[in-house]
Protein backbone atom coordinates (compact mmCIF):
# COMPACT_ATOMS: atom_id res chain seq x y z
CA UNK A 1 191.98 123.18 108.36
CA UNK A 2 189.86 120.20 107.17
CA UNK A 3 189.68 119.27 111.30
CA UNK A 4 188.53 122.76 111.96
CA UNK A 5 185.84 122.49 109.55
CA UNK A 6 184.80 119.23 110.68
CA UNK A 7 184.62 120.17 114.42
CA UNK A 8 182.67 123.37 113.23
CA UNK A 9 180.20 120.96 111.14
CA UNK A 10 179.79 118.88 114.01
CA UNK A 11 179.01 121.71 116.39
CA UNK A 12 176.51 123.30 113.96
CA UNK A 13 174.75 119.43 113.49
CA UNK A 14 174.32 119.18 117.34
CA UNK A 15 173.25 123.11 117.81
CA UNK A 16 170.72 122.44 114.86
CA UNK A 17 169.37 119.32 116.53
CA UNK A 18 169.26 121.17 120.05
CA UNK A 19 167.41 124.02 118.56
CA UNK A 20 164.68 121.66 117.12
CA UNK A 21 164.34 119.96 120.41
CA UNK A 22 164.23 123.59 122.35
CA UNK A 23 161.24 124.75 119.78
CA UNK A 24 159.19 121.22 120.56
CA UNK A 25 159.78 121.31 123.98
CA UNK A 26 158.65 124.75 124.54
CA UNK A 27 155.82 124.70 122.54
CA UNK A 28 153.30 124.79 125.28
CA UNK A 29 155.45 127.62 127.44
CA UNK A 30 157.17 130.13 124.99
CA UNK A 31 159.10 131.50 127.89
CA UNK A 32 160.55 128.10 128.66
CA UNK A 33 162.69 126.08 126.80
CA UNK A 34 164.08 122.72 127.35
CA UNK A 35 167.26 120.65 125.21
CA UNK A 36 168.91 117.31 125.93
CA UNK A 37 172.25 117.15 124.46
CA UNK A 38 173.22 114.10 123.20
CA UNK A 39 175.29 113.25 126.02
CA UNK A 40 172.00 113.43 128.06
CA UNK A 41 172.85 116.35 130.02
CA UNK A 42 170.01 118.88 130.20
CA UNK A 43 169.99 122.51 129.36
CA UNK A 44 166.73 124.82 130.36
CA UNK A 45 165.97 128.16 130.34
CA UNK A 46 163.54 130.92 131.25
CA UNK A 47 162.98 133.93 129.62
CA UNK A 48 161.95 136.50 131.91
CA UNK A 49 162.93 140.26 131.82
CA UNK A 50 165.75 141.65 134.23
CA UNK A 51 169.34 143.99 134.35
CA UNK A 52 171.02 140.79 135.11
CA UNK A 53 171.33 136.92 134.47
CA UNK A 54 171.92 134.00 136.61
CA UNK A 55 173.13 130.43 135.55
CA UNK A 56 173.46 127.14 137.39
CA UNK A 57 174.70 123.60 137.34
CA UNK A 58 172.54 121.26 139.23
CA UNK A 59 173.56 117.81 140.15
CA UNK A 60 171.11 114.67 141.43
CA UNK A 61 173.65 113.78 144.19
CA UNK A 62 173.74 114.89 147.75
CA UNK A 63 173.87 113.97 151.42
CA UNK A 64 171.09 111.26 150.68
CA UNK A 65 173.45 109.52 148.25
CA UNK A 66 176.35 108.95 150.88
CA UNK A 67 177.08 105.71 152.41
CA UNK A 68 179.73 105.10 155.38
CA UNK A 69 182.70 105.12 153.15
CA UNK A 70 181.50 108.69 151.70
CA UNK A 71 179.95 110.26 154.59
CA UNK A 72 180.61 113.90 154.66
CA UNK A 73 181.63 113.88 150.97
CA UNK A 74 179.11 116.33 149.72
CA UNK A 75 179.88 118.91 152.96
CA UNK A 76 183.29 119.06 151.61
CA UNK A 77 182.73 119.23 147.60
CA UNK A 78 180.63 122.28 149.04
CA UNK A 79 183.59 123.86 150.64
CA UNK A 80 186.39 122.78 147.94
CA UNK A 81 184.33 124.77 145.28
CA UNK A 82 186.23 127.55 143.27
CA UNK A 83 189.71 126.86 144.78
CA UNK A 84 192.44 125.72 142.77
CA UNK A 85 191.91 123.78 139.57
CA UNK A 86 193.92 122.42 136.86
CA UNK A 87 193.97 125.53 135.02
CA UNK A 88 193.88 128.33 137.69
CA UNK A 89 195.66 128.68 140.92
CA UNK A 90 193.15 129.67 144.18
CA UNK A 91 194.18 133.26 143.71
CA UNK A 92 193.25 133.34 139.84
CA UNK A 93 190.31 131.57 140.63
CA UNK A 94 189.09 134.47 143.42
CA UNK A 95 190.42 136.86 140.77
CA UNK A 96 188.08 135.31 138.07
CA UNK A 97 185.10 135.06 140.69
CA UNK A 98 185.69 138.97 141.72
CA UNK A 99 185.81 139.74 138.12
CA UNK A 100 182.25 138.91 137.28
CA UNK A 101 181.12 141.78 139.41
CA UNK A 102 177.99 139.24 140.59
CA UNK A 103 177.85 136.31 143.09
CA UNK A 104 179.01 133.06 142.54
CA UNK A 105 178.41 130.06 145.01
CA UNK A 106 178.03 126.61 145.44
CA UNK A 107 175.42 124.74 148.03
CA UNK A 108 174.97 121.18 149.09
CA UNK A 109 171.48 119.64 150.03
CA UNK A 110 170.42 116.16 150.68
CA UNK A 111 169.17 115.57 147.13
CA UNK A 112 171.27 117.88 144.96
CA UNK A 113 174.66 120.04 144.42
CA UNK A 114 174.21 123.42 143.18
CA UNK A 115 176.87 125.86 141.60
CA UNK A 116 175.12 128.77 140.51
CA UNK A 117 175.96 132.83 139.52
CA UNK A 118 174.04 135.88 139.08
CA UNK A 119 175.75 138.09 136.91
CA UNK A 120 175.74 140.94 134.15
CA UNK A 121 174.38 139.39 131.02
CA UNK A 122 177.92 139.51 129.24
CA UNK A 123 179.48 137.42 132.16
CA UNK A 124 177.35 134.31 130.97
CA UNK A 125 180.50 132.58 129.24
CA UNK A 126 182.83 133.44 131.92
CA UNK A 127 180.42 132.31 134.84
CA UNK A 128 179.70 128.90 133.07
CA UNK A 129 183.51 128.22 132.18
CA UNK A 130 184.07 128.74 135.94
CA UNK A 131 181.45 126.45 136.78
CA UNK A 132 182.92 123.98 134.64
CA UNK A 133 186.34 124.47 135.91
CA UNK A 134 185.35 123.49 139.06
CA UNK A 135 183.39 120.77 138.37
CA UNK A 136 185.68 119.02 135.80
CA UNK A 137 188.97 119.94 136.77
CA UNK A 138 189.27 120.27 140.52
CA UNK A 139 193.17 120.00 142.17
CA UNK A 140 192.00 119.43 145.53
CA UNK A 141 195.08 120.43 146.82
CA UNK A 142 196.15 118.69 150.52
CA UNK A 143 196.93 122.31 151.88
CA UNK A 144 193.13 123.49 150.70
CA UNK A 145 191.75 120.28 152.12
CA UNK A 146 193.38 120.92 155.50
CA UNK A 147 192.29 124.16 155.61
CA UNK A 148 188.82 123.21 154.87
CA UNK A 149 189.02 120.48 157.45
CA UNK A 150 189.58 123.35 160.29
CA UNK A 151 186.87 125.53 158.88
CA UNK A 152 184.52 122.28 159.09
CA UNK A 153 185.09 121.67 162.48
CA UNK A 154 184.43 125.34 163.28
CA UNK A 155 181.37 125.03 161.32
CA UNK A 156 179.93 122.07 163.02
CA UNK A 157 180.66 123.66 166.67
CA UNK A 158 179.19 126.56 165.72
CA UNK A 159 175.87 124.66 164.43
CA UNK A 160 175.69 122.57 167.14
CA UNK A 161 175.62 125.40 169.57
CA UNK A 162 172.42 126.78 167.85
CA UNK A 163 169.54 124.29 168.19
CA UNK A 164 167.37 126.08 165.61
CA UNK A 165 169.97 124.67 163.14
CA UNK A 166 171.22 121.13 164.58
CA UNK A 167 168.11 119.75 165.90
CA UNK A 168 166.45 119.67 162.08
CA UNK A 169 169.59 117.62 161.41
CA UNK A 170 168.81 115.10 164.26
CA UNK A 171 164.99 115.06 163.35
CA UNK A 172 166.15 113.65 160.02
CA UNK A 173 168.45 111.10 161.50
CA UNK A 174 165.71 109.74 163.94
CA UNK A 175 163.11 110.18 161.22
CA UNK A 176 164.87 107.99 158.47
CA UNK A 177 167.15 106.06 160.67
CA UNK A 178 170.28 107.21 160.15
CA UNK A 179 170.56 106.48 156.47
CA UNK A 180 169.26 107.83 153.11
CA UNK A 181 167.35 111.26 153.87
CA UNK A 182 168.60 110.44 157.52
CA UNK A 183 172.39 111.55 156.60
CA UNK A 184 173.38 114.62 157.93
CA UNK A 185 174.40 117.65 155.67
CA UNK A 186 177.45 118.25 158.12
CA UNK A 187 180.45 116.08 157.70
CA UNK A 188 180.76 113.70 160.76
CA UNK A 189 183.39 114.58 163.28
CA UNK A 190 185.35 111.24 162.63
CA UNK A 191 185.09 111.44 159.05
CA UNK A 192 187.16 115.06 158.77
CA UNK A 193 190.32 113.71 158.74
CA UNK A 194 189.60 110.99 156.30
CA UNK A 195 188.63 113.39 153.62
CA UNK A 196 191.24 113.84 150.94
CA UNK A 197 191.59 114.29 147.42
CA UNK A 198 191.17 111.02 146.31
CA UNK A 199 188.02 110.15 148.19
CA UNK A 200 186.40 113.48 146.86
CA UNK A 201 187.63 112.93 143.07
CA UNK A 202 186.30 109.57 143.10
CA UNK A 203 183.06 110.22 144.73
CA UNK A 204 182.44 113.09 141.81
CA UNK A 205 183.49 110.35 139.37
CA UNK A 206 180.60 108.56 140.68
CA UNK A 207 177.73 111.13 140.98
CA UNK A 208 178.74 113.46 138.62
CA UNK A 209 177.27 112.02 135.44
CA UNK A 210 175.84 114.16 132.67
CA UNK A 211 172.46 112.27 132.80
CA UNK A 212 172.36 113.34 136.36
CA UNK A 213 173.08 117.23 135.62
CA UNK A 214 171.00 120.15 134.51
CA UNK A 215 172.32 123.48 133.65
CA UNK A 216 169.60 126.18 133.94
CA UNK A 217 169.73 130.10 133.12
CA UNK A 218 168.04 132.97 132.90
CA UNK A 219 168.53 136.53 131.11
CA UNK A 220 170.35 134.67 128.36
CA UNK A 221 169.06 133.12 124.68
CA UNK A 222 168.32 129.66 125.05
CA UNK A 223 170.65 128.89 122.26
CA UNK A 224 173.37 130.77 123.73
CA UNK A 225 173.57 128.57 126.91
CA UNK A 226 173.06 125.43 124.85
CA UNK A 227 176.52 126.27 122.76
CA UNK A 228 178.14 127.09 125.72
CA UNK A 229 177.17 123.71 127.92
CA UNK A 230 177.95 121.73 124.53
CA UNK A 231 181.50 123.83 124.79
CA UNK A 232 182.27 122.71 128.51
CA UNK A 233 180.48 119.89 129.16
CA UNK A 234 180.11 118.14 125.96
CA UNK A 235 183.61 115.83 127.10
CA UNK A 236 181.57 113.94 130.18
CA UNK A 237 179.76 110.92 129.01
CA UNK A 238 176.80 109.31 130.19
CA UNK A 239 176.70 106.12 131.89
CA UNK A 240 175.47 104.41 128.57
CA UNK A 241 178.06 106.08 126.65
CA UNK A 242 180.82 105.10 129.21
CA UNK A 243 179.78 101.53 129.21
CA UNK A 244 179.85 100.99 125.26
CA UNK A 245 183.21 102.91 124.84
CA UNK A 246 185.08 102.85 128.18
CA UNK A 247 188.05 105.43 128.27
CA UNK A 248 191.18 104.64 129.80
CA UNK A 249 192.14 106.23 133.13
CA UNK A 250 193.44 109.63 132.65
CA UNK A 251 196.40 110.67 134.46
CA UNK A 252 195.84 114.33 133.95
CA UNK A 253 192.42 116.42 134.06
CA UNK A 254 190.98 117.57 130.93
CA UNK A 255 191.32 121.59 130.92
CA UNK A 256 189.10 123.78 128.93
CA UNK A 257 190.76 127.18 127.80
CA UNK A 258 190.07 129.85 129.82
CA UNK A 259 188.16 132.64 128.79
CA UNK A 260 190.10 135.55 130.59
CA UNK A 261 193.58 135.02 130.25
CA UNK A 262 196.11 134.36 127.56
CA UNK A 263 199.27 134.75 129.38
CA UNK A 264 201.62 131.90 129.74
CA UNK A 265 201.25 129.96 132.92
CA UNK A 266 203.04 131.37 135.90
CA UNK A 267 205.92 129.54 138.29
CA UNK A 268 203.21 129.42 141.00
CA UNK A 269 200.56 127.87 138.85
CA UNK A 270 202.88 125.40 137.70
CA UNK A 271 204.00 124.37 140.99
CA UNK A 272 200.32 124.07 142.18
CA UNK A 273 199.43 121.83 139.46
CA UNK A 274 202.56 119.55 139.40
CA UNK A 275 201.37 119.12 143.42
CA UNK A 276 198.03 118.31 142.36
CA UNK A 277 199.17 115.01 140.62
CA UNK A 278 200.61 114.12 143.92
CA UNK A 279 197.18 113.29 145.26
CA UNK A 280 195.84 110.24 144.11
CA UNK A 281 193.19 110.62 141.00
CA UNK A 282 192.92 107.26 139.67
CA UNK A 283 188.93 106.93 138.98
CA UNK A 284 187.05 104.52 140.81
CA UNK A 285 186.88 100.82 140.55
CA UNK A 286 184.16 98.59 140.10
CA UNK A 287 184.53 97.94 143.82
CA UNK A 288 185.12 101.75 144.83
CA UNK A 289 181.68 103.08 143.05
CA UNK A 290 179.00 101.05 145.20
CA UNK A 291 180.80 101.92 148.19
CA UNK A 292 180.61 105.64 147.51
CA UNK A 293 177.83 106.21 146.21
CA UNK A 294 174.08 104.92 147.81
CA UNK A 295 171.16 104.26 145.98
CA UNK A 296 169.67 107.29 147.85
CA UNK A 297 166.78 104.96 148.89
CA UNK A 298 165.29 105.89 152.31
CA UNK A 299 162.69 104.25 154.83
CA UNK A 300 161.09 106.26 157.47
CA UNK A 301 161.18 104.72 160.74
CA UNK A 302 160.05 107.45 163.13
CA UNK A 303 161.22 107.19 166.79
CA UNK A 304 162.29 109.26 169.85
CA UNK A 305 165.18 110.97 170.89
CA UNK A 306 166.11 113.12 173.96
CA UNK A 307 169.16 115.04 174.04
CA UNK A 308 170.39 116.52 177.52
CA UNK A 309 171.54 120.15 177.72
CA UNK A 310 171.14 121.09 181.36
CA UNK A 311 172.81 124.74 180.51
CA UNK A 312 170.16 125.63 177.83
CA UNK A 313 168.47 128.93 177.90
CA UNK A 314 165.26 127.21 176.14
CA UNK A 315 163.85 123.53 176.11
CA UNK A 316 163.14 122.45 172.54
CA UNK A 317 160.65 120.36 171.25
CA UNK A 318 160.11 118.63 167.91
CA UNK A 319 157.03 116.20 166.44
CA UNK A 320 157.01 115.08 163.01
CA UNK A 321 155.25 112.35 160.72
CA UNK A 322 156.43 111.36 157.09
CA UNK A 323 154.40 113.13 154.46
CA UNK A 324 154.27 112.65 150.77
CA UNK A 325 156.89 113.06 148.00
CA UNK A 326 157.14 115.81 145.45
CA UNK A 327 155.58 114.10 142.86
CA UNK A 328 152.28 113.09 144.97
CA UNK A 329 149.17 115.46 143.94
CA UNK A 330 148.71 115.83 147.90
CA UNK A 331 151.76 117.69 148.03
CA UNK A 332 149.64 120.65 147.60
CA UNK A 333 147.22 120.06 150.46
CA UNK A 334 150.18 119.44 152.93
CA UNK A 335 151.95 122.70 152.02
CA UNK A 336 148.60 124.65 152.68
CA UNK A 337 148.20 122.89 155.80
CA UNK A 338 151.43 123.95 156.99
CA UNK A 339 150.88 127.58 156.15
CA UNK A 340 147.41 127.11 158.08
CA UNK A 341 149.29 126.16 161.10
CA UNK A 342 151.96 128.65 160.70
CA UNK A 343 153.28 129.97 163.75
CA UNK A 344 156.90 131.81 164.46
CA UNK A 345 158.30 133.73 167.27
CA UNK A 346 156.61 135.22 170.17
CA UNK A 347 157.78 138.79 169.11
CA UNK A 348 156.96 139.80 165.68
CA UNK A 349 156.39 143.02 163.80
CA UNK A 350 154.28 141.43 161.21
CA UNK A 351 150.40 141.98 160.94
CA UNK A 352 147.91 140.74 158.66
CA UNK A 353 149.24 138.77 156.02
CA UNK A 354 152.65 138.02 158.04
CA UNK A 355 150.86 134.70 159.38
CA UNK A 356 149.45 136.47 162.84
CA UNK A 357 146.36 134.83 161.99
CA UNK A 358 147.68 131.32 161.73
CA UNK A 359 146.71 128.60 164.39
CA UNK A 360 149.89 128.09 166.14
CA UNK A 361 149.58 131.91 166.64
CA UNK A 362 146.22 132.42 167.75
CA UNK A 363 145.88 129.44 169.65
CA UNK A 364 149.31 129.15 171.37
CA UNK A 365 151.96 132.18 171.03
CA UNK A 366 149.09 134.43 171.88
CA UNK A 367 148.35 132.88 175.09
CA UNK A 368 151.45 131.07 176.57
CA UNK A 369 154.15 133.91 177.03
CA UNK A 370 156.61 131.22 178.01
CA UNK A 371 156.94 129.67 174.77
CA UNK A 372 159.46 131.55 172.66
CA UNK A 373 158.73 130.01 169.22
CA UNK A 374 156.35 127.69 167.96
CA UNK A 375 155.83 126.86 164.07
CA UNK A 376 155.25 124.27 161.49
CA UNK A 377 157.96 122.90 158.96
CA UNK A 378 157.67 120.88 156.06
CA UNK A 379 160.93 119.61 154.69
CA UNK A 380 159.95 118.26 151.04
CA UNK A 381 161.90 115.59 148.98
CA UNK A 382 161.34 113.63 145.92
CA UNK A 383 159.76 110.49 147.46
CA UNK A 384 158.76 111.73 150.84
CA UNK A 385 158.73 114.72 153.30
CA UNK A 386 158.82 115.63 156.85
CA UNK A 387 155.63 117.40 158.41
CA UNK A 388 155.41 118.73 161.70
CA UNK A 389 155.69 121.26 164.44
CA UNK A 390 158.21 122.49 166.95
CA UNK A 391 158.09 124.62 170.06
CA UNK A 392 160.94 126.84 171.81
CA UNK A 393 159.95 127.49 175.67
CA UNK A 394 161.03 128.35 178.98
CA UNK A 395 161.80 125.24 180.98
CA UNK A 396 160.45 124.52 184.28
CA UNK A 397 163.90 123.50 185.97
CA UNK A 398 165.33 124.62 189.57
CA UNK A 399 162.09 126.60 190.66
CA UNK A 400 162.10 129.02 187.72
CA UNK A 401 158.82 130.72 187.72
CA UNK A 402 156.96 130.40 184.49
CA UNK A 403 158.58 127.85 182.68
CA UNK A 404 157.43 124.36 181.34
CA UNK A 405 158.47 120.80 181.19
CA UNK A 406 158.50 118.95 177.44
CA UNK A 407 155.55 116.79 179.16
CA UNK A 408 153.27 119.84 179.28
CA UNK A 409 154.19 121.39 175.81
CA UNK A 410 153.69 118.17 174.28
CA UNK A 411 149.90 117.71 174.29
CA UNK A 412 149.67 121.44 173.14
CA UNK A 413 151.04 120.44 169.78
CA UNK A 414 149.40 117.09 169.59
CA UNK A 415 146.08 118.72 169.89
CA UNK A 416 146.85 120.95 166.78
CA UNK A 417 147.10 118.05 164.92
CA UNK A 418 144.01 116.42 166.17
CA UNK A 419 142.23 119.67 165.35
CA UNK A 420 142.82 118.90 161.51
CA UNK A 421 141.63 115.52 161.70
CA UNK A 422 138.33 116.05 164.12
CA UNK A 423 137.12 119.69 163.82
CA UNK A 424 135.70 121.55 160.66
CA UNK A 425 138.43 123.89 158.91
CA UNK A 426 136.29 127.30 158.13
CA UNK A 427 136.55 128.14 154.54
CA UNK A 428 137.62 131.71 155.55
CA UNK A 429 140.40 130.54 157.20
CA UNK A 430 141.53 127.61 154.50
CA UNK A 431 141.32 130.74 151.82
CA UNK A 432 143.67 132.59 153.88
CA UNK A 433 146.14 130.03 153.93
CA UNK A 434 145.90 129.12 150.27
CA UNK A 435 146.44 132.92 149.59
CA UNK A 436 149.30 133.25 151.40
CA UNK A 437 150.90 130.15 150.08
CA UNK A 438 150.13 131.33 146.52
CA UNK A 439 152.00 134.66 147.19
CA UNK A 440 154.97 133.18 148.80
CA UNK A 441 155.45 131.22 145.54
CA UNK A 442 155.16 134.14 143.34
CA UNK A 443 157.08 136.34 145.53
CA UNK A 444 159.99 134.11 145.87
CA UNK A 445 160.23 133.87 142.11
CA UNK A 446 160.45 137.57 142.05
CA UNK A 447 164.44 136.70 142.65
CA UNK A 448 166.19 135.86 139.37
CA UNK A 449 168.79 133.56 141.87
CA UNK A 450 165.61 131.80 143.10
CA UNK A 451 163.94 131.55 139.89
CA UNK A 452 167.23 129.77 138.44
CA UNK A 453 167.36 127.36 141.21
CA UNK A 454 163.84 126.65 141.38
CA UNK A 455 163.92 125.69 137.29
CA UNK A 456 167.02 123.89 138.07
CA UNK A 457 165.52 121.37 140.60
CA UNK A 458 162.50 120.99 139.01
CA UNK A 459 163.87 119.65 135.69
CA UNK A 460 166.29 117.40 138.02
CA UNK A 461 163.04 116.03 139.83
CA UNK A 462 160.26 116.31 137.08
CA UNK A 463 162.24 116.66 133.75
CA UNK A 464 159.98 119.49 133.22
CA UNK A 465 159.05 122.97 134.48
CA UNK A 466 155.93 123.16 136.04
CA UNK A 467 153.86 126.24 135.17
CA UNK A 468 152.82 128.63 138.18
CA UNK A 469 149.47 128.62 136.75
CA UNK A 470 149.37 125.12 137.15
CA UNK A 471 150.61 125.39 141.02
CA UNK A 472 147.93 127.84 141.60
CA UNK A 473 145.14 125.71 139.81
CA UNK A 474 146.15 123.08 142.34
CA UNK A 475 145.95 124.74 145.19
CA UNK A 476 142.82 127.13 144.16
CA UNK A 477 140.77 123.79 144.11
CA UNK A 478 141.39 122.80 147.50
CA UNK A 479 138.60 122.16 149.74
CA UNK A 480 138.53 121.57 153.91
CA UNK A 481 137.65 118.04 153.04
CA UNK A 482 140.92 117.67 151.02
CA UNK A 483 142.89 119.30 153.94
CA UNK A 484 141.18 116.37 156.73
CA UNK A 485 141.72 113.61 154.11
CA UNK A 486 145.61 114.33 153.87
CA UNK A 487 145.73 114.92 157.60
CA UNK A 488 144.45 111.53 158.05
CA UNK A 489 146.56 110.00 155.34
CA UNK A 490 149.63 111.29 157.20
CA UNK A 491 148.81 111.08 161.07
CA UNK A 492 145.47 109.66 161.03
CA UNK A 493 144.81 106.55 163.65
CA UNK A 494 144.10 104.23 160.50
CA UNK A 495 147.09 105.87 158.47
CA UNK A 496 149.90 103.69 160.36
CA UNK A 497 151.94 106.79 160.25
CA UNK A 498 154.81 106.72 163.08
CA UNK A 499 155.96 109.78 164.97
CA UNK A 500 159.50 111.30 165.17
CA UNK A 501 159.74 113.03 168.55
CA UNK A 502 163.19 114.83 169.19
CA UNK A 503 163.56 116.74 172.67
CA UNK A 504 166.48 118.94 173.95
CA UNK A 505 167.10 120.77 177.04
CA UNK A 506 166.42 119.90 180.98
CA UNK A 507 164.02 117.23 180.75
CA UNK A 508 162.55 114.76 178.62
CA UNK A 509 158.76 114.29 177.47
CA UNK A 510 157.96 111.02 179.64
CA UNK A 511 155.34 108.71 178.09
CA UNK A 512 154.73 110.56 174.62
CA UNK A 513 153.10 108.10 173.39
CA UNK A 514 150.33 108.07 175.66
CA UNK A 515 149.66 111.71 174.62
CA UNK A 516 149.12 110.87 171.10
CA UNK A 517 146.71 107.97 171.89
CA UNK A 518 144.62 110.49 173.81
CA UNK A 519 144.47 112.93 171.05
CA UNK A 520 143.80 109.97 169.00
CA UNK A 521 146.60 111.00 166.81
CA UNK A 522 148.81 108.18 165.27
CA UNK A 523 152.18 107.55 167.07
CA UNK A 524 153.41 103.79 166.24
């Protein structure tokens, strides 16, 4: 009885302190609250009305943190989510997920791992318990990993046959020299057979530290999410606490009590649980951890790559430069520039307000029917970004009429960049791009799932929630001179910017550096 009273007193003390911090953090924004628990895990909520709730765990991990030893781990951690755990068989996990009546998912990206659920309000406790179970107590059974090896091979084959999906991966690899942000989101072919329970568990041990985690939610009281996070994640120790009081290696995973069932374990579960202990589960040694977890630092290198594909329906050409990171104030100007260039497919059911007045539509797609797709892109990261243009077009090969070569298309893409450097930007055109950017930001957040994901990632990156009013204000103050200044910073002749050029199809680009020099755009 005394032990129960002590535990209750400790929990009350923690939650009282958490509530105090939450009130302090939310003074400037009553709809947003942020609390940091004693083990450094952060809990953030956004109070918005709705008929259902969303909650997610976001981890500062992902492909950019992989090394040659751990390449492909984030891809497999994504695929192995919500499988067998120490407290559930795969069938029981599937039944618990379906019982929520909502959507639960995991996703790996270059800079974060995400486990997220959208469900009815009363499902929040079970949703967070399922996320905790799959993150803290995975079994990684050999037969489940083998099944995911086959699935990964199929996925890689499918994506490799879709240029619009595989070429952004190639572009990142070339732009960042194959390390850090240049690591692929897909597990390399030669690493698939190396994936096993030991590799996955030791990588999670190295990456999934509470100081690298954020729990974000919408649709529930902040105090409830703080209490649930404390209940399911308080066993995690930050690196600082772990160093101060190292724990002996665990021979068995810690199992939080399931919420949905109190029945004794079945024979099937007991066999599955026993099988999980056959997989090596020792924690990473001092030599393992640096090998598994890279620094995440990236160096932009630029470069050129040609992928010969004589059977392709279209040729594909990508041109990119390194932009600024998410913390740079110029990120808003660069994002506006991307909307101003716009573009899309040669056929669109859209009209005004759908990007049909963007430059790549009016200057390229409306004039050259042989170009099937032409658009700008902007991949944003904490310390860098990739900004550029791409085109897919009918190839000129074997006498096909109406086709073009990459040598003929490249000048049109580079010319669009040069126009941003050397011609005035009409105020009306800039205002249209700014309004489109603002509306796209606000409309995206109409989705509860997107809202929670945005909240979690913002806390990971900024350790605060940037109000929409602040974003809108930064966009509103942009002038034509600001766009030109950022264009000069990214790909002007004095910028030192290096181009990344990727071409796939029947022919290569030829002497591409000469094209950049002709239009006075940086290339080397």
